[in-house]
N, C-alpha and C. Protein backbone atom coordinates (compact mmCIF):
# COMPACT_ATOMS: atom_id res chain seq x y z
N MET A 1 289.52 153.00 -17.84
CA MET A 1 288.65 153.54 -16.98
C MET A 1 287.71 154.47 -18.08
N ILE A 2 288.05 155.35 -18.77
CA ILE A 2 287.30 156.11 -19.13
C ILE A 2 286.31 155.65 -20.32
N ASP A 3 287.06 154.51 -21.26
CA ASP A 3 286.29 153.81 -21.87
C ASP A 3 285.18 152.88 -21.44
N GLU A 4 285.45 152.51 -20.33
CA GLU A 4 284.22 151.70 -19.61
C GLU A 4 283.09 152.81 -19.18
N ALA A 5 283.43 153.86 -18.56
CA ALA A 5 282.56 154.92 -18.15
C ALA A 5 281.93 155.12 -19.67
N LEU A 6 282.43 155.57 -20.44
CA LEU A 6 281.60 155.94 -21.78
C LEU A 6 280.52 154.90 -22.31
N GLY A 7 281.26 153.64 -22.08
CA GLY A 7 280.37 152.65 -22.44
C GLY A 7 279.26 152.33 -21.55
N ASP A 8 279.25 152.42 -20.54
CA ASP A 8 278.25 152.32 -19.52
C ASP A 8 277.23 153.53 -19.70
N LEU A 9 277.71 154.67 -20.01
CA LEU A 9 276.81 155.58 -20.49
C LEU A 9 275.99 155.58 -21.77
N ALA A 10 276.82 154.94 -22.62
CA ALA A 10 275.96 154.65 -23.97
C ALA A 10 274.92 153.61 -23.41
N LYS A 11 275.12 152.52 -22.72
CA LYS A 11 274.33 151.54 -22.90
C LYS A 11 273.17 152.15 -21.78
N TRP A 12 273.22 153.16 -20.63
CA TRP A 12 272.23 153.59 -20.27
C TRP A 12 271.45 154.35 -21.37
N LEU A 13 271.90 155.16 -22.16
CA LEU A 13 271.23 156.15 -23.20
C LEU A 13 270.50 154.80 -24.00
N MET A 14 270.99 154.06 -24.20
CA MET A 14 270.12 152.94 -25.07
C MET A 14 268.87 152.31 -24.40
N GLN A 15 268.97 152.34 -23.13
CA GLN A 15 267.88 151.62 -22.72
C GLN A 15 266.75 152.85 -22.61
N ALA A 16 266.94 154.36 -22.84
CA ALA A 16 266.24 155.15 -22.57
C ALA A 16 265.66 155.52 -23.84
N ASP A 17 265.44 154.60 -24.60
CA ASP A 17 265.02 154.55 -26.05
C ASP A 17 263.90 155.19 -26.40
N VAL A 18 263.39 156.58 -26.50
CA VAL A 18 262.36 157.24 -26.92
C VAL A 18 262.30 158.00 -28.43
N GLY A 19 263.53 158.21 -28.76
CA GLY A 19 263.65 158.57 -30.21
C GLY A 19 263.10 160.00 -31.02
N LEU A 20 262.18 159.48 -31.50
CA LEU A 20 261.41 161.07 -32.30
C LEU A 20 260.74 161.80 -31.21
N GLY A 21 259.89 161.09 -30.27
CA GLY A 21 259.25 161.81 -29.26
C GLY A 21 260.04 162.85 -28.27
N LEU A 22 261.34 162.15 -28.15
CA LEU A 22 262.41 163.05 -27.45
C LEU A 22 262.80 163.93 -28.28
N VAL A 23 263.17 163.63 -29.52
CA VAL A 23 263.44 165.21 -30.25
C VAL A 23 262.68 166.32 -30.28
N ALA A 24 261.14 166.00 -30.45
CA ALA A 24 260.21 167.15 -29.97
C ALA A 24 260.45 167.42 -28.96
N LEU A 25 260.48 166.75 -27.83
CA LEU A 25 260.47 167.30 -26.45
C LEU A 25 261.86 168.60 -26.28
N VAL A 26 262.93 167.83 -27.03
CA VAL A 26 264.17 168.80 -27.05
C VAL A 26 263.94 170.10 -27.73
N GLY A 27 263.38 170.22 -28.81
CA GLY A 27 263.11 171.23 -29.71
C GLY A 27 261.82 172.24 -28.81
N LEU A 28 260.89 171.79 -28.15
CA LEU A 28 259.98 172.50 -27.26
C LEU A 28 260.67 173.08 -26.38
N SER A 29 261.87 172.23 -25.48
CA SER A 29 262.79 172.75 -24.31
C SER A 29 263.69 174.05 -25.06
N MET A 30 264.26 173.95 -26.08
CA MET A 30 264.74 175.17 -26.75
C MET A 30 263.86 176.17 -26.75
N SER A 31 262.89 175.98 -27.21
CA SER A 31 261.75 177.07 -27.70
C SER A 31 261.54 177.92 -26.42
N ILE A 32 261.54 176.98 -25.31
CA ILE A 32 260.79 177.42 -23.90
C ILE A 32 262.17 178.39 -23.47
N SER A 33 263.08 178.13 -23.90
CA SER A 33 264.25 179.09 -23.56
C SER A 33 264.23 180.41 -24.17
N HIS A 34 263.52 180.57 -25.33
CA HIS A 34 263.41 181.71 -25.95
C HIS A 34 262.18 182.43 -24.93
N LEU A 35 261.28 181.87 -24.30
CA LEU A 35 260.23 182.71 -23.91
C LEU A 35 260.50 183.79 -23.25
N PHE A 36 261.99 184.29 -22.71
CA PHE A 36 262.29 185.18 -21.82
C PHE A 36 261.97 186.37 -22.92
N ALA A 37 262.58 186.25 -23.93
CA ALA A 37 262.79 187.32 -25.04
C ALA A 37 261.18 187.62 -25.33
N LEU A 38 260.43 186.58 -25.45
CA LEU A 38 259.10 186.85 -26.03
C LEU A 38 258.22 187.74 -25.16
N VAL A 39 258.39 187.26 -23.79
CA VAL A 39 257.85 187.93 -22.87
C VAL A 39 258.31 189.32 -22.68
N ALA A 40 259.66 189.60 -22.52
CA ALA A 40 260.14 191.01 -22.75
C ALA A 40 259.55 191.94 -23.64
N ASN A 41 259.47 191.11 -24.58
CA ASN A 41 258.48 192.07 -25.93
C ASN A 41 257.13 192.33 -25.79
N ARG A 42 256.35 191.97 -24.75
CA ARG A 42 255.08 192.08 -24.31
C ARG A 42 254.39 191.64 -25.52
N LEU A 43 254.73 190.41 -25.70
CA LEU A 43 253.56 189.77 -26.76
C LEU A 43 252.49 189.19 -25.89
N THR A 44 251.34 189.15 -26.64
CA THR A 44 250.09 188.40 -26.11
C THR A 44 250.48 186.94 -25.80
N PRO A 45 249.64 186.37 -24.79
CA PRO A 45 249.80 184.71 -24.65
C PRO A 45 249.58 184.09 -25.73
N ARG A 46 248.65 184.46 -26.93
CA ARG A 46 248.58 183.85 -28.02
C ARG A 46 249.75 183.81 -29.00
N GLN A 47 250.28 185.08 -28.87
CA GLN A 47 251.37 185.21 -30.11
C GLN A 47 252.63 184.27 -29.66
N ILE A 48 252.77 184.23 -28.05
CA ILE A 48 254.01 183.75 -27.62
C ILE A 48 253.80 182.12 -27.74
N LEU A 49 252.42 181.66 -27.54
CA LEU A 49 252.08 180.13 -27.72
C LEU A 49 252.54 180.04 -29.11
N ILE A 50 252.11 180.68 -30.04
CA ILE A 50 252.43 180.34 -31.59
C ILE A 50 254.10 180.37 -31.81
N GLN A 51 254.60 181.50 -31.32
CA GLN A 51 255.83 181.48 -31.79
C GLN A 51 256.72 180.30 -30.98
N LEU A 52 256.37 179.96 -29.58
CA LEU A 52 256.78 178.52 -28.81
C LEU A 52 256.77 177.40 -29.85
N ILE A 53 255.43 177.36 -30.54
CA ILE A 53 255.34 175.96 -31.29
C ILE A 53 256.19 176.08 -32.37
N LEU A 54 255.99 177.20 -33.19
CA LEU A 54 256.78 177.28 -34.30
C LEU A 54 258.25 177.02 -34.11
N ASP A 55 259.11 177.88 -33.05
CA ASP A 55 260.32 177.60 -32.85
C ASP A 55 260.65 176.27 -32.68
N GLY A 56 259.72 175.37 -31.71
CA GLY A 56 259.89 174.38 -31.26
C GLY A 56 259.98 173.34 -32.80
N LEU A 57 259.06 173.65 -33.57
CA LEU A 57 259.14 172.77 -34.59
C LEU A 57 260.38 172.79 -35.74
N VAL A 58 260.62 174.13 -35.67
CA VAL A 58 262.04 174.38 -36.41
C VAL A 58 263.20 173.69 -35.78
N LEU A 59 262.94 173.76 -34.41
CA LEU A 59 264.42 173.19 -33.68
C LEU A 59 264.41 171.72 -33.46
N SER A 60 263.30 171.14 -33.79
CA SER A 60 262.99 169.70 -33.82
C SER A 60 263.45 169.11 -35.27
N LEU A 61 263.26 170.05 -36.04
CA LEU A 61 263.66 169.83 -37.64
C LEU A 61 265.22 170.03 -37.87
N ALA A 62 265.71 170.72 -36.83
CA ALA A 62 267.29 170.92 -37.04
C ALA A 62 267.60 169.80 -36.42
N LEU A 63 267.13 169.07 -35.39
CA LEU A 63 267.64 167.82 -34.86
C LEU A 63 267.73 166.59 -35.61
N VAL A 64 266.38 166.34 -36.26
CA VAL A 64 265.96 165.62 -37.32
C VAL A 64 267.00 165.68 -38.44
N LEU A 65 267.34 166.93 -38.91
CA LEU A 65 268.41 166.79 -40.08
C LEU A 65 269.68 166.50 -39.56
N ALA A 66 270.06 166.89 -38.20
CA ALA A 66 271.18 166.34 -37.82
C ALA A 66 271.40 164.90 -37.67
N CYS A 67 270.35 164.17 -37.58
CA CYS A 67 270.54 162.81 -37.31
C CYS A 67 270.27 162.21 -38.86
N LEU A 68 269.72 162.95 -39.62
CA LEU A 68 269.81 162.36 -41.34
C LEU A 68 271.05 162.47 -41.91
N ILE A 69 271.79 163.92 -41.35
CA ILE A 69 273.33 163.67 -41.99
C ILE A 69 274.22 162.60 -41.19
N ASN A 70 273.83 162.42 -40.11
CA ASN A 70 274.71 161.52 -39.51
C ASN A 70 274.66 159.90 -39.99
N MET A 71 273.38 159.79 -40.33
CA MET A 71 272.83 158.53 -41.14
C MET A 71 273.56 158.31 -42.52
N LEU A 72 273.50 159.58 -43.27
CA LEU A 72 274.14 159.50 -44.63
C LEU A 72 275.64 159.21 -44.58
N LEU A 73 276.29 160.11 -43.56
CA LEU A 73 277.82 159.76 -43.32
C LEU A 73 277.84 158.47 -42.87
N LEU A 74 277.04 157.99 -41.93
CA LEU A 74 277.33 156.54 -41.49
C LEU A 74 277.38 155.64 -42.61
N GLY A 75 276.48 155.71 -43.44
CA GLY A 75 276.10 154.74 -44.52
C GLY A 75 277.18 154.92 -45.51
N ALA A 76 277.84 156.29 -45.74
CA ALA A 76 278.85 156.46 -46.67
C ALA A 76 280.39 155.93 -46.22
N PHE A 77 280.63 156.25 -45.25
CA PHE A 77 281.92 156.16 -44.62
C PHE A 77 282.17 154.57 -43.40
N ALA A 78 281.04 154.39 -42.91
CA ALA A 78 281.04 153.39 -41.90
C ALA A 78 280.41 152.08 -42.53
N GLY A 79 279.64 152.11 -43.57
CA GLY A 79 279.10 151.01 -44.25
C GLY A 79 277.85 150.66 -43.77
N ALA A 80 277.06 151.26 -42.51
CA ALA A 80 276.19 151.00 -41.80
C ALA A 80 274.89 151.24 -42.65
N VAL A 81 273.96 150.78 -42.76
CA VAL A 81 272.51 151.15 -43.52
C VAL A 81 271.46 151.14 -42.63
N LEU A 82 271.18 152.10 -42.63
CA LEU A 82 270.00 152.19 -41.38
C LEU A 82 268.68 152.94 -42.02
N ASP A 83 267.74 152.80 -41.60
CA ASP A 83 266.47 153.36 -41.72
C ASP A 83 266.29 154.64 -40.68
N PRO A 84 265.77 155.63 -41.19
CA PRO A 84 266.07 156.88 -40.33
C PRO A 84 265.09 156.81 -39.11
N GLY A 85 263.97 155.99 -39.04
CA GLY A 85 263.27 155.98 -37.64
C GLY A 85 264.46 155.12 -36.92
N GLU A 86 264.89 154.10 -37.25
CA GLU A 86 265.81 153.33 -36.65
C GLU A 86 267.08 154.26 -35.92
N LEU A 87 267.65 155.17 -36.82
CA LEU A 87 268.70 155.81 -36.21
C LEU A 87 268.15 156.76 -35.30
N LEU A 88 267.02 157.62 -35.60
CA LEU A 88 266.29 158.49 -34.76
C LEU A 88 266.19 157.62 -33.09
N ALA A 89 265.68 156.34 -33.44
CA ALA A 89 265.45 155.59 -32.17
C ALA A 89 266.72 155.23 -31.61
N LYS A 90 267.96 155.22 -31.87
CA LYS A 90 269.15 154.86 -31.36
C LYS A 90 270.09 155.81 -31.06
N LEU A 91 269.68 157.24 -31.66
CA LEU A 91 270.33 158.13 -31.38
C LEU A 91 269.47 159.47 -30.43
N GLY A 92 268.49 159.23 -30.38
CA GLY A 92 267.29 160.04 -29.73
C GLY A 92 267.64 160.46 -28.26
N PRO A 93 268.22 159.29 -27.53
CA PRO A 93 268.35 159.28 -26.16
C PRO A 93 269.79 160.22 -25.91
N ALA A 94 270.63 160.58 -26.76
CA ALA A 94 271.77 161.15 -26.82
C ALA A 94 271.38 162.80 -26.45
N LEU A 95 269.99 163.07 -26.73
CA LEU A 95 269.65 164.54 -26.74
C LEU A 95 268.95 164.65 -25.62
N ILE A 96 269.11 163.86 -24.66
CA ILE A 96 268.39 163.98 -23.18
C ILE A 96 268.93 165.36 -22.48
N PRO A 97 270.24 165.86 -22.54
CA PRO A 97 270.60 167.12 -22.05
C PRO A 97 269.90 168.19 -22.84
N GLY A 98 269.46 168.03 -23.68
CA GLY A 98 268.72 169.15 -24.47
C GLY A 98 267.58 169.52 -23.71
N LEU A 99 266.78 168.62 -22.91
CA LEU A 99 265.60 168.68 -22.22
C LEU A 99 265.92 169.83 -21.10
N PHE A 100 267.15 170.19 -20.71
CA PHE A 100 267.32 170.88 -19.67
C PHE A 100 267.49 172.30 -20.23
N TYR A 101 267.69 172.45 -21.55
CA TYR A 101 267.75 173.75 -22.39
C TYR A 101 266.76 174.69 -21.94
N CYS A 102 265.47 174.27 -21.66
CA CYS A 102 264.61 175.45 -21.22
C CYS A 102 265.12 176.03 -20.00
N PHE A 103 266.07 175.92 -19.28
CA PHE A 103 266.54 176.67 -18.25
C PHE A 103 267.66 177.56 -18.92
N VAL A 104 267.96 177.43 -20.13
CA VAL A 104 269.10 178.58 -20.31
C VAL A 104 268.36 179.72 -21.10
N ALA A 105 268.48 180.87 -20.26
CA ALA A 105 267.82 182.08 -21.10
C ALA A 105 268.79 183.03 -21.58
N ALA A 106 269.52 182.45 -22.30
CA ALA A 106 270.49 183.23 -23.16
C ALA A 106 270.15 184.53 -23.73
N PRO A 107 270.45 185.54 -23.74
CA PRO A 107 271.73 186.03 -23.42
C PRO A 107 271.45 186.46 -21.74
N TYR A 108 270.34 186.26 -21.29
CA TYR A 108 269.95 186.65 -19.88
C TYR A 108 270.83 186.20 -18.86
N ILE A 109 271.01 184.96 -19.01
CA ILE A 109 271.69 184.10 -17.87
C ILE A 109 272.88 183.75 -18.42
N SER A 110 273.36 182.77 -19.38
CA SER A 110 274.52 182.51 -19.79
C SER A 110 274.71 181.76 -21.04
N ASP A 111 275.53 182.05 -22.10
CA ASP A 111 275.58 181.24 -23.32
C ASP A 111 276.41 179.99 -22.96
N LEU A 112 277.46 180.02 -21.63
CA LEU A 112 278.18 178.96 -21.54
C LEU A 112 277.27 177.85 -21.10
N ILE A 113 276.05 177.93 -20.54
CA ILE A 113 275.42 176.69 -20.00
C ILE A 113 274.90 176.10 -21.42
N ALA A 114 274.58 177.11 -22.23
CA ALA A 114 274.03 176.37 -23.63
C ALA A 114 275.22 175.59 -24.78
N SER A 115 276.32 176.41 -24.31
CA SER A 115 277.31 175.72 -24.81
C SER A 115 277.66 174.36 -24.28
N VAL A 116 277.46 174.20 -23.20
CA VAL A 116 277.75 172.99 -22.15
C VAL A 116 276.93 171.78 -22.70
N ILE A 117 275.49 172.37 -22.57
CA ILE A 117 274.60 171.36 -23.01
C ILE A 117 274.62 170.76 -24.57
N TRP A 118 274.95 171.73 -25.34
CA TRP A 118 275.67 171.47 -27.13
C TRP A 118 276.52 170.29 -26.69
N ALA A 119 277.47 170.51 -26.01
CA ALA A 119 278.47 169.98 -26.11
C ALA A 119 278.27 168.16 -25.44
N MET A 120 277.66 168.35 -24.30
CA MET A 120 277.17 167.08 -23.83
C MET A 120 276.34 166.07 -24.88
N ILE A 121 275.64 167.03 -25.56
CA ILE A 121 274.78 166.21 -26.95
C ILE A 121 275.37 165.45 -27.74
N HIS A 122 276.62 166.44 -28.16
CA HIS A 122 277.50 165.80 -29.14
C HIS A 122 278.18 164.86 -28.70
N LEU A 123 278.62 164.86 -27.39
CA LEU A 123 279.69 163.89 -26.95
C LEU A 123 278.53 162.59 -26.87
N ASN A 124 277.44 162.68 -26.63
CA ASN A 124 276.43 161.41 -26.35
C ASN A 124 276.27 160.96 -27.81
N VAL A 125 276.14 161.62 -28.85
CA VAL A 125 276.04 161.24 -30.20
C VAL A 125 277.15 160.27 -30.48
N VAL A 126 278.48 160.97 -30.47
CA VAL A 126 279.90 160.32 -30.47
C VAL A 126 279.86 159.18 -29.71
N THR A 127 279.36 158.82 -28.64
CA THR A 127 279.38 157.76 -27.86
C THR A 127 278.50 156.62 -28.36
N LEU A 128 277.27 157.08 -28.66
CA LEU A 128 276.31 156.27 -29.07
C LEU A 128 276.94 155.39 -30.39
N LEU A 129 277.37 156.50 -31.66
CA LEU A 129 277.60 155.95 -32.61
C LEU A 129 279.00 154.85 -32.29
N HIS A 130 279.95 154.80 -31.37
CA HIS A 130 280.68 154.09 -31.17
C HIS A 130 280.06 152.68 -30.68
N VAL A 131 279.10 153.00 -29.59
CA VAL A 131 278.69 151.60 -29.36
C VAL A 131 277.73 150.81 -30.14
N GLN A 132 276.59 151.47 -30.80
CA GLN A 132 275.91 151.11 -31.51
C GLN A 132 276.30 150.52 -33.15
N PHE A 133 277.40 151.32 -33.55
CA PHE A 133 277.96 150.71 -34.84
C PHE A 133 279.34 150.10 -34.83
N ASP A 134 280.05 150.28 -33.75
CA ASP A 134 281.25 149.84 -33.60
C ASP A 134 282.39 150.52 -34.48
N VAL A 135 282.11 151.78 -34.41
CA VAL A 135 282.80 152.98 -35.12
C VAL A 135 283.82 153.67 -34.32
N PRO A 136 285.05 153.70 -34.58
CA PRO A 136 286.16 154.06 -33.56
C PRO A 136 285.65 155.45 -32.88
N TYR A 137 286.16 156.02 -31.81
CA TYR A 137 285.64 157.10 -31.31
C TYR A 137 286.02 158.58 -32.24
N GLY A 138 287.39 158.41 -32.93
CA GLY A 138 287.73 159.17 -33.57
C GLY A 138 287.04 159.51 -34.75
N GLN A 139 286.57 158.52 -35.53
CA GLN A 139 285.69 158.27 -36.73
C GLN A 139 284.41 158.98 -36.36
N ALA A 140 283.84 158.53 -35.21
CA ALA A 140 282.58 158.84 -34.62
C ALA A 140 282.55 159.98 -34.47
N LEU A 141 283.65 160.76 -34.07
CA LEU A 141 283.64 162.25 -33.68
C LEU A 141 283.31 163.16 -35.15
N LEU A 142 284.26 162.58 -35.90
CA LEU A 142 284.29 163.02 -37.44
C LEU A 142 282.86 162.76 -38.28
N LEU A 143 282.09 161.83 -38.10
CA LEU A 143 280.90 161.49 -38.63
C LEU A 143 279.71 162.54 -37.85
N ALA A 144 279.85 162.64 -36.54
CA ALA A 144 278.89 163.15 -35.99
C ALA A 144 279.04 164.90 -36.12
N THR A 145 280.11 165.14 -36.40
CA THR A 145 280.41 166.82 -36.34
C THR A 145 279.71 167.60 -37.33
N PRO A 146 279.43 167.25 -38.73
CA PRO A 146 278.77 167.88 -39.79
C PRO A 146 277.30 167.96 -39.22
N GLY A 147 276.61 167.06 -38.79
CA GLY A 147 275.24 167.08 -38.29
C GLY A 147 275.12 168.10 -37.33
N PHE A 148 275.85 167.83 -36.13
CA PHE A 148 275.93 168.88 -34.96
C PHE A 148 276.12 170.08 -35.22
N VAL A 149 277.07 170.35 -36.33
CA VAL A 149 277.24 171.94 -36.80
C VAL A 149 275.85 172.46 -37.56
N VAL A 150 275.29 171.74 -38.17
CA VAL A 150 274.04 172.06 -39.10
C VAL A 150 272.95 172.43 -38.15
N ALA A 151 272.85 171.54 -36.84
CA ALA A 151 271.75 171.72 -36.16
C ALA A 151 271.97 173.06 -35.38
N LEU A 152 273.31 173.28 -34.84
CA LEU A 152 273.62 174.55 -34.23
C LEU A 152 273.65 175.33 -34.75
N LEU A 153 273.68 175.67 -36.12
CA LEU A 153 273.39 176.75 -37.16
C LEU A 153 272.26 176.98 -37.20
N MET A 154 271.04 176.13 -37.18
CA MET A 154 269.67 176.25 -37.44
C MET A 154 269.22 176.85 -36.04
N VAL A 155 269.49 176.34 -34.94
CA VAL A 155 269.56 176.94 -33.62
C VAL A 155 269.74 178.24 -33.50
N MET A 156 270.94 178.71 -34.11
CA MET A 156 271.46 179.99 -33.82
C MET A 156 270.65 180.89 -34.77
N ALA A 157 270.09 180.60 -35.75
CA ALA A 157 269.34 181.23 -36.87
C ALA A 157 268.00 181.66 -36.12
N VAL A 158 267.62 180.77 -35.70
CA VAL A 158 266.34 180.67 -35.01
C VAL A 158 266.49 181.86 -33.89
N PHE A 159 267.17 181.65 -33.20
CA PHE A 159 267.29 182.76 -31.89
C PHE A 159 267.85 183.86 -32.14
N HIS A 160 268.47 184.18 -33.40
CA HIS A 160 269.22 185.35 -33.72
C HIS A 160 268.18 186.17 -34.42
N GLN A 161 267.09 185.42 -35.15
CA GLN A 161 266.19 186.08 -35.82
C GLN A 161 265.02 186.51 -34.53
N GLY A 162 264.66 185.78 -33.77
CA GLY A 162 263.92 186.15 -32.54
C GLY A 162 264.58 187.46 -32.00
N TRP A 163 265.78 187.52 -31.37
CA TRP A 163 266.57 188.65 -30.75
C TRP A 163 266.49 189.82 -31.75
N GLN A 164 266.57 189.52 -32.79
CA GLN A 164 266.97 190.54 -33.99
C GLN A 164 265.41 191.34 -34.16
N GLY A 165 264.35 190.58 -34.04
CA GLY A 165 263.19 191.15 -34.24
C GLY A 165 262.75 191.76 -32.65
N ALA A 166 263.11 191.49 -31.57
CA ALA A 166 262.81 192.24 -30.39
C ALA A 166 263.45 193.21 -30.27
N TYR A 167 264.77 193.41 -30.67
CA TYR A 167 265.71 194.83 -30.66
C TYR A 167 264.90 195.65 -31.94
N ARG A 168 264.54 195.28 -32.94
CA ARG A 168 263.84 195.97 -33.98
C ARG A 168 262.50 196.66 -33.46
N ARG A 169 261.81 195.80 -32.49
CA ARG A 169 260.50 195.95 -32.02
C ARG A 169 260.81 197.22 -30.89
N LEU A 170 261.79 196.76 -30.04
CA LEU A 170 262.33 198.00 -28.92
C LEU A 170 262.75 199.17 -29.60
N ALA A 171 263.48 199.09 -30.50
CA ALA A 171 263.99 200.35 -31.18
C ALA A 171 262.68 201.08 -31.78
N SER A 172 261.88 200.29 -32.33
CA SER A 172 260.73 201.35 -33.11
C SER A 172 259.90 202.04 -31.90
N GLU A 173 259.58 201.56 -30.75
CA GLU A 173 259.19 201.90 -29.63
C GLU A 173 259.97 203.23 -28.85
N LEU A 174 261.15 202.93 -28.93
CA LEU A 174 261.85 203.93 -28.25
C LEU A 174 262.36 205.15 -29.16
N ALA A 175 262.02 205.02 -30.60
CA ALA A 175 262.44 206.04 -31.65
C ALA A 175 261.74 207.37 -31.49
N PRO A 176 262.50 208.28 -31.41
CA PRO A 176 261.62 209.90 -31.17
C PRO A 176 260.53 209.92 -31.88
N SER A 177 259.11 210.31 -31.44
CA SER A 177 257.95 210.43 -32.19
C SER A 177 258.00 211.85 -32.95
N ALA A 178 257.15 211.88 -34.20
CA ALA A 178 257.33 213.28 -34.97
C ALA A 178 256.56 214.39 -34.30
N ASP A 179 255.75 213.83 -33.40
CA ASP A 179 254.65 214.81 -32.86
C ASP A 179 255.38 215.85 -31.88
N CYS A 180 256.37 215.50 -31.37
CA CYS A 180 256.99 216.39 -30.52
C CYS A 180 257.64 217.57 -30.83
C-alpha cells in the first residue's frame, strides 16, 4: 500500500514538470523566509530587495548543485547517463514543498517546520529517483543524501551569515557609547 501511494505521488510530481523555474521559485521562497530578519534590522526597502535576490540566487544554486551531485552519483552507481537539464526537469517537482518555505520565519516561528519541509523535499527526490530511474528505495536514499546534505549546508550557511550579521549590527547599536 505504501509503495503504491509513493508511486502515485511520484506520478503526480512528474506531471508537475517545471524544472529549473521551480528551483528559482524555491530559492526565492527560502529567501523570503529570511525577510523577517532583514526587516527587524531596519534595512531600507532597496537593501532588503537586493538581499532577497542575492539570497534567492545562492539558495537556487544550492538546489542546482544538489541536483548535479545526484546526477553524478546516479551516473556512477546506477549507470544512468543524463543531461543536467533533463535531471532538473525530472527532479524539479520534488522541490514543490520548498515553495512553502516562505512561511518559515526561523528562528521566530519554528525550525521544526523548516526541517519537515526539507525532509519532504528529500523524500520526494528519493521517490522520483526510484520511479524515474528504477533505482531501489535504499539505493535512491543513498544516492540522494549527499546532494541533500550539500544543499542543506549551503542554506544553513546563508541563513547563519544573515543572522550573524543581524546580531553584530544589533550589538553595535546597543554598545555603550564613549560620549556618556
